[in-house]
């Protein structure tokens, strides 16, 4: 498969994943673990979910540089423009889905399921493209490579840490837990 086609698939993956994240948020049943910290910060500060996603992912990229040191591959700096696109797509889809305000729990649950399926499709397309990782997966990969740990175990621990961090930030800034529910 040509590099052009792989990047086209990757960008489609970003579009689907961002739409899925927005639908999960609109379901009001929680957020994905990777979006939990940016979501809480977007509620606590005057920034959009996309903007906070960008900055949190830049922290993840800095973490990759610190963890890998000289083994950090400079091509991974492509995560910066890719994350900028991802963040813009999140804000665009949040805007496009503004009118979605499910009232009943079954409607919220259906929205959650559709959003989760779109996130899964987006991630699958990014994996199929095999060109670059978003910073959230990049930091997990860096940790698993640096200390020779199982990627799945590191991902579970990382996601759990993000949810606990989001809960703590939510309590600190909002005096209640926001964005973390059964959908998380």
Foldseek 3Di string as FASTA:
>chain_A
DDLVVLVVLLLLLLLLLLLLQLLLVLLQAFGQLLQLQLVLVVVQDVDHSLVSSLVVLVVLVVLLCVLCPVNDDPVQVVLNVVSNSSSVSNVVSNVVCVPRHDDDNVVSVVSLVSSVVSSVSSVVSNVVSPDYDHSLLSSLVSVCVSVVHDSVVSNVVSSVVSQVVSQVSCCVRVVGRGRDHPSD
